[in-house]
Amino acid sequence: MSTDHRSEAERLLASADTAIAAALEKDLPIEDQQHAAVLTGILTNRALGHAMLAQGQTAEADVSALRAALIAWRHVVAHAVAWNISFAETDEQHEPWAELALQLERAGLGITADVDAITPKFGKDARGVWKPPTVQREEHLRYCAEMPSPWSDPAETPDATQQ
């Protein structure tokens, strides 16, 4: 059975309020006033215990909400970084997004693995998108220069085994 500690604390404090009123009642015998004062202390201590437990319940709910918000934030940021580094046309467009990922990594909030998982959905190489666009273009041109054209004359194409 789950206890609503906040409601229980409020109920006990209301009872303590009634008990302290009785303790302050001058018409009651002194023994009853003392008994009401002791009862007030007991009820107040129990109410404080429940209030502290209620604070823990709130903290758990807050942590859970923060965890869900962090997961959603991470998802949004990872997609934004993946999209922007995948389709950056200049180094100036690429650099801030790569820098954001680097700073998040340094802060312990790395999204590199998330970005690497997302970029193939954009038809991009997960390792290549981290390189600036100028480097990507140079590598592509170097690759194209090394690969023979399927339309070229085989006699004109140097055999790699002869080199």
C-alpha atoms as a PDB file:
ATOM      1  CA  MET A   1       0.000   0.000   0.000  1.00  0.00           C
ATOM      2  CA  SER A   2       1.444   3.337  -1.062  1.00  0.00           C
ATOM      3  CA  THR A   3       1.273   6.246   1.340  1.00  0.00           C
ATOM      4  CA  ASP A   4       0.697   9.802   0.216  1.00  0.00           C
ATOM      5  CA  HIS A   5       3.228  11.335   2.581  1.00  0.00           C
ATOM      6  CA  ARG A   6       2.212  14.907   1.830  1.00  0.00           C
ATOM      7  CA  SER A   7      -1.422  14.263   2.788  1.00  0.00           C
ATOM      8  CA  GLU A   8      -0.342  12.376   5.894  1.00  0.00           C
ATOM      9  CA  ALA A   9       1.953  15.245   6.944  1.00  0.00           C
ATOM     10  CA  GLU A  10      -0.873  17.740   6.458  1.00  0.00           C
ATOM     11  CA  ARG A  11      -3.286  15.566   8.484  1.00  0.00           C
ATOM     12  CA  LEU A  12      -0.783  15.186  11.333  1.00  0.00           C
ATOM     13  CA  LEU A  13      -0.068  18.921  11.408  1.00  0.00           C
ATOM     14  CA  ALA A  14      -3.784  19.650  11.596  1.00  0.00           C
ATOM     15  CA  SER A  15      -4.028  17.244  14.556  1.00  0.00           C
ATOM     16  CA  ALA A  16      -0.990  18.888  16.160  1.00  0.00           C
ATOM     17  CA  ASP A  17      -2.669  22.266  15.730  1.00  0.00           C
ATOM     18  CA  THR A  18      -5.717  20.997  17.613  1.00  0.00           C
ATOM     19  CA  ALA A  19      -3.512  19.428  20.306  1.00  0.00           C
ATOM     20  CA  ILE A  20      -1.508  22.629  20.853  1.00  0.00           C
ATOM     21  CA  ALA A  21      -4.763  24.556  21.171  1.00  0.00           C
ATOM     22  CA  ALA A  22      -5.773  22.141  23.931  1.00  0.00           C
ATOM     23  CA  ALA A  23      -2.365  22.502  25.585  1.00  0.00           C
ATOM     24  CA  LEU A  24      -2.853  26.259  25.702  1.00  0.00           C
ATOM     25  CA  GLU A  25      -6.369  25.974  27.126  1.00  0.00           C
ATOM     26  CA  LYS A  26      -6.248  27.439  30.633  1.00  0.00           C
ATOM     27  CA  ASP A  27      -9.483  25.765  31.724  1.00  0.00           C
ATOM     28  CA  LEU A  28      -8.013  22.232  31.430  1.00  0.00           C
ATOM     29  CA  PRO A  29      -6.206  20.569  34.297  1.00  0.00           C
ATOM     30  CA  ILE A  30      -2.414  20.893  34.095  1.00  0.00           C
ATOM     31  CA  GLU A  31      -1.996  17.140  33.439  1.00  0.00           C
ATOM     32  CA  ASP A  32      -4.204  17.363  30.339  1.00  0.00           C
ATOM     33  CA  GLN A  33      -2.330  20.449  29.143  1.00  0.00           C
ATOM     34  CA  GLN A  34       0.991  18.600  29.540  1.00  0.00           C
ATOM     35  CA  HIS A  35      -0.418  15.553  27.780  1.00  0.00           C
ATOM     36  CA  ALA A  36      -1.622  17.762  24.875  1.00  0.00           C
ATOM     37  CA  ALA A  37       1.811  19.430  24.651  1.00  0.00           C
ATOM     38  CA  VAL A  38       3.577  16.034  24.471  1.00  0.00           C
ATOM     39  CA  LEU A  39       1.049  14.827  21.898  1.00  0.00           C
ATOM     40  CA  THR A  40       1.703  17.996  19.848  1.00  0.00           C
ATOM     41  CA  GLY A  41       5.427  17.225  19.829  1.00  0.00           C
ATOM     42  CA  ILE A  42       4.843  13.622  18.744  1.00  0.00           C
ATOM     43  CA  LEU A  43       2.404  14.618  15.990  1.00  0.00           C
ATOM     44  CA  THR A  44       4.727  17.367  14.759  1.00  0.00           C
ATOM     45  CA  ASN A  45       7.708  14.981  14.601  1.00  0.00           C
ATOM     46  CA  ARG A  46       5.661  12.405  12.691  1.00  0.00           C
ATOM     47  CA  ALA A  47       4.432  15.150  10.344  1.00  0.00           C
ATOM     48  CA  LEU A  48       8.034  16.250   9.726  1.00  0.00           C
ATOM     49  CA  GLY A  49       8.987  12.649   8.901  1.00  0.00           C
ATOM     50  CA  HIS A  50       6.167  12.377   6.384  1.00  0.00           C
ATOM     51  CA  ALA A  51       7.035  15.794   4.954  1.00  0.00           C
ATOM     52  CA  MET A  52      10.621  14.662   4.405  1.00  0.00           C
ATOM     53  CA  LEU A  53       9.404  11.482   2.717  1.00  0.00           C
ATOM     54  CA  ALA A  54       7.039  13.563   0.582  1.00  0.00           C
ATOM     55  CA  GLN A  55      10.000  15.682  -0.466  1.00  0.00           C
ATOM     56  CA  GLY A  56      11.755  12.485  -1.534  1.00  0.00           C
ATOM     57  CA  GLN A  57       8.730  11.463  -3.603  1.00  0.00           C
ATOM     58  CA  THR A  58       8.782  14.868  -5.269  1.00  0.00           C
ATOM     59  CA  ALA A  59      12.501  14.572  -5.889  1.00  0.00           C
ATOM     60  CA  GLU A  60      12.026  11.152  -7.519  1.00  0.00           C
ATOM     61  CA  ALA A  61       9.327  12.583  -9.755  1.00  0.00           C
ATOM     62  CA  ASP A  62      11.540  15.563 -10.563  1.00  0.00           C
ATOM     63  CA  VAL A  63      14.498  13.305 -11.401  1.00  0.00           C
ATOM     64  CA  SER A  64      12.294  11.164 -13.617  1.00  0.00           C
ATOM     65  CA  ALA A  65      10.956  14.229 -15.418  1.00  0.00           C
ATOM     66  CA  LEU A  66      14.459  15.640 -15.807  1.00  0.00           C
ATOM     67  CA  ARG A  67      15.718  12.322 -17.173  1.00  0.00           C
ATOM     68  CA  ALA A  68      12.908  12.244 -19.750  1.00  0.00           C
ATOM     69  CA  ALA A  69      13.611  15.858 -20.707  1.00  0.00           C
ATOM     70  CA  LEU A  70      17.342  15.126 -21.054  1.00  0.00           C
ATOM     71  CA  ILE A  71      16.643  12.132 -23.302  1.00  0.00           C
ATOM     72  CA  ALA A  72      14.353  14.263 -25.498  1.00  0.00           C
ATOM     73  CA  TRP A  73      16.911  17.095 -25.556  1.00  0.00           C
ATOM     74  CA  ARG A  74      19.703  14.693 -26.499  1.00  0.00           C
ATOM     75  CA  HIS A  75      17.576  13.263 -29.326  1.00  0.00           C
ATOM     76  CA  VAL A  76      16.825  16.728 -30.733  1.00  0.00           C
ATOM     77  CA  VAL A  77      20.425  17.947 -30.462  1.00  0.00           C
ATOM     78  CA  ALA A  78      21.838  14.736 -31.985  1.00  0.00           C
ATOM     79  CA  HIS A  79      19.483  15.025 -34.963  1.00  0.00           C
ATOM     80  CA  ALA A  80      20.310  18.718 -35.417  1.00  0.00           C
ATOM     81  CA  VAL A  81      24.046  18.037 -35.325  1.00  0.00           C
ATOM     82  CA  ALA A  82      23.735  15.013 -37.633  1.00  0.00           C
ATOM     83  CA  TRP A  83      21.706  16.945 -40.190  1.00  0.00           C
ATOM     84  CA  ASN A  84      23.893  20.022 -40.146  1.00  0.00           C
ATOM     85  CA  ILE A  85      27.254  18.254 -40.361  1.00  0.00           C
ATOM     86  CA  SER A  86      25.882  15.902 -43.026  1.00  0.00           C
ATOM     87  CA  PHE A  87      24.681  18.675 -45.318  1.00  0.00           C
ATOM     88  CA  ALA A  88      27.144  21.477 -44.553  1.00  0.00           C
ATOM     89  CA  GLU A  89      28.539  22.825 -47.802  1.00  0.00           C
ATOM     90  CA  THR A  90      31.291  24.966 -46.308  1.00  0.00           C
ATOM     91  CA  ASP A  91      33.698  24.551 -43.433  1.00  0.00           C
ATOM     92  CA  GLU A  92      32.095  27.594 -41.796  1.00  0.00           C
ATOM     93  CA  GLN A  93      28.725  25.810 -41.749  1.00  0.00           C
ATOM     94  CA  HIS A  94      30.267  22.569 -40.491  1.00  0.00           C
ATOM     95  CA  GLU A  95      32.550  23.919 -37.760  1.00  0.00           C
ATOM     96  CA  PRO A  96      30.011  25.164 -35.158  1.00  0.00           C
ATOM     97  CA  TRP A  97      28.127  21.863 -35.195  1.00  0.00           C
ATOM     98  CA  ALA A  98      31.271  19.767 -34.873  1.00  0.00           C
ATOM     99  CA  GLU A  99      32.420  22.112 -32.092  1.00  0.00           C
ATOM    100  CA  LEU A 100      29.075  21.718 -30.295  1.00  0.00           C
ATOM    101  CA  ALA A 101      29.463  17.929 -30.390  1.00  0.00           C
ATOM    102  CA  LEU A 102      33.038  18.236 -29.096  1.00  0.00           C
ATOM    103  CA  GLN A 103      32.037  20.520 -26.214  1.00  0.00           C
ATOM    104  CA  LEU A 104      29.167  18.213 -25.251  1.00  0.00           C
ATOM    105  CA  GLU A 105      31.637  15.311 -25.265  1.00  0.00           C
ATOM    106  CA  ARG A 106      33.963  17.235 -22.951  1.00  0.00           C
ATOM    107  CA  ALA A 107      31.036  17.985 -20.631  1.00  0.00           C
ATOM    108  CA  GLY A 108      30.179  14.290 -20.415  1.00  0.00           C
ATOM    109  CA  LEU A 109      27.091  14.625 -22.604  1.00  0.00           C
ATOM    110  CA  GLY A 110      28.546  13.067 -25.742  1.00  0.00           C
ATOM    111  CA  ILE A 111      26.251  12.645 -28.719  1.00  0.00           C
ATOM    112  CA  THR A 112      28.850  11.277 -31.135  1.00  0.00           C
ATOM    113  CA  ALA A 113      27.469   7.735 -31.073  1.00  0.00           C
ATOM    114  CA  ASP A 114      23.938   9.079 -31.583  1.00  0.00           C
ATOM    115  CA  VAL A 115      25.070  11.194 -34.548  1.00  0.00           C
ATOM    116  CA  ASP A 116      26.956   8.212 -35.998  1.00  0.00           C
ATOM    117  CA  ALA A 117      23.748   6.156 -35.797  1.00  0.00           C
ATOM    118  CA  ILE A 118      21.631   8.899 -37.410  1.00  0.00           C
ATOM    119  CA  THR A 119      23.809   9.966 -40.366  1.00  0.00           C
ATOM    120  CA  PRO A 120      23.352   6.734 -42.382  1.00  0.00           C
ATOM    121  CA  LYS A 121      19.628   7.546 -42.447  1.00  0.00           C
ATOM    122  CA  PHE A 122      20.635  10.633 -44.450  1.00  0.00           C
ATOM    123  CA  GLY A 123      22.659   8.485 -46.838  1.00  0.00           C
ATOM    124  CA  LYS A 124      25.960   9.684 -45.399  1.00  0.00           C
ATOM    125  CA  ASP A 125      29.043   7.883 -44.097  1.00  0.00           C
ATOM    126  CA  ALA A 126      29.086   8.160 -40.311  1.00  0.00           C
ATOM    127  CA  ARG A 127      32.883   8.522 -40.204  1.00  0.00           C
ATOM    128  CA  GLY A 128      33.105  10.968 -43.073  1.00  0.00           C
ATOM    129  CA  VAL A 129      30.626  13.561 -41.858  1.00  0.00           C
ATOM    130  CA  TRP A 130      32.896  14.577 -38.988  1.00  0.00           C
ATOM    131  CA  LYS A 131      35.479  15.818 -41.481  1.00  0.00           C
ATOM    132  CA  PRO A 132      35.065  19.367 -42.841  1.00  0.00           C
ATOM    133  CA  PRO A 133      33.471  19.578 -46.315  1.00  0.00           C
ATOM    134  CA  THR A 134      36.746  20.651 -47.965  1.00  0.00           C
ATOM    135  CA  VAL A 135      38.462  17.504 -46.661  1.00  0.00           C
ATOM    136  CA  GLN A 136      35.502  15.377 -47.775  1.00  0.00           C
ATOM    137  CA  ARG A 137      35.700  16.872 -51.284  1.00  0.00           C
ATOM    138  CA  GLU A 138      39.473  16.349 -51.489  1.00  0.00           C
ATOM    139  CA  GLU A 139      39.098  12.719 -50.435  1.00  0.00           C
ATOM    140  CA  HIS A 140      36.330  12.219 -52.976  1.00  0.00           C
ATOM    141  CA  LEU A 141      38.431  13.732 -55.780  1.00  0.00           C
ATOM    142  CA  ARG A 142      41.420  11.601 -54.766  1.00  0.00           C
ATOM    143  CA  TYR A 143      39.185   8.496 -54.764  1.00  0.00           C
ATOM    144  CA  CYS A 144      37.775   9.381 -58.188  1.00  0.00           C
ATOM    145  CA  ALA A 145      41.306   9.924 -59.581  1.00  0.00           C
ATOM    146  CA  GLU A 146      42.435   6.534 -58.310  1.00  0.00           C
ATOM    147  CA  MET A 147      39.440   4.646 -59.666  1.00  0.00           C
ATOM    148  CA  PRO A 148      39.338   3.923 -63.386  1.00  0.00           C
ATOM    149  CA  SER A 149      36.288   5.040 -65.274  1.00  0.00           C
ATOM    150  CA  PRO A 150      34.103   2.186 -66.490  1.00  0.00           C
ATOM    151  CA  TRP A 151      33.879   3.993 -69.855  1.00  0.00           C
ATOM    152  CA  SER A 152      37.603   4.424 -70.397  1.00  0.00           C
ATOM    153  CA  ASP A 153      39.638   2.260 -72.767  1.00  0.00           C
ATOM    154  CA  PRO A 154      41.203  -0.628 -70.783  1.00  0.00           C
ATOM    155  CA  ALA A 155      44.459  -0.171 -72.718  1.00  0.00           C
ATOM    156  CA  GLU A 156      44.741   3.444 -71.464  1.00  0.00           C
ATOM    157  CA  THR A 157      44.119   2.516 -67.863  1.00  0.00           C
ATOM    158  CA  PRO A 158      47.321   1.597 -65.991  1.00  0.00           C
ATOM    159  CA  ASP A 159      47.183  -1.841 -64.403  1.00  0.00           C
ATOM    160  CA  ALA A 160      47.648  -1.551 -60.652  1.00  0.00           C
ATOM    161  CA  THR A 161      49.671  -4.778 -60.609  1.00  0.00           C
ATOM    162  CA  GLN A 162      52.263  -3.356 -63.024  1.00  0.00           C
ATOM    163  CA  GLN A 163      52.958  -0.278 -60.904  1.00  0.00           C
END
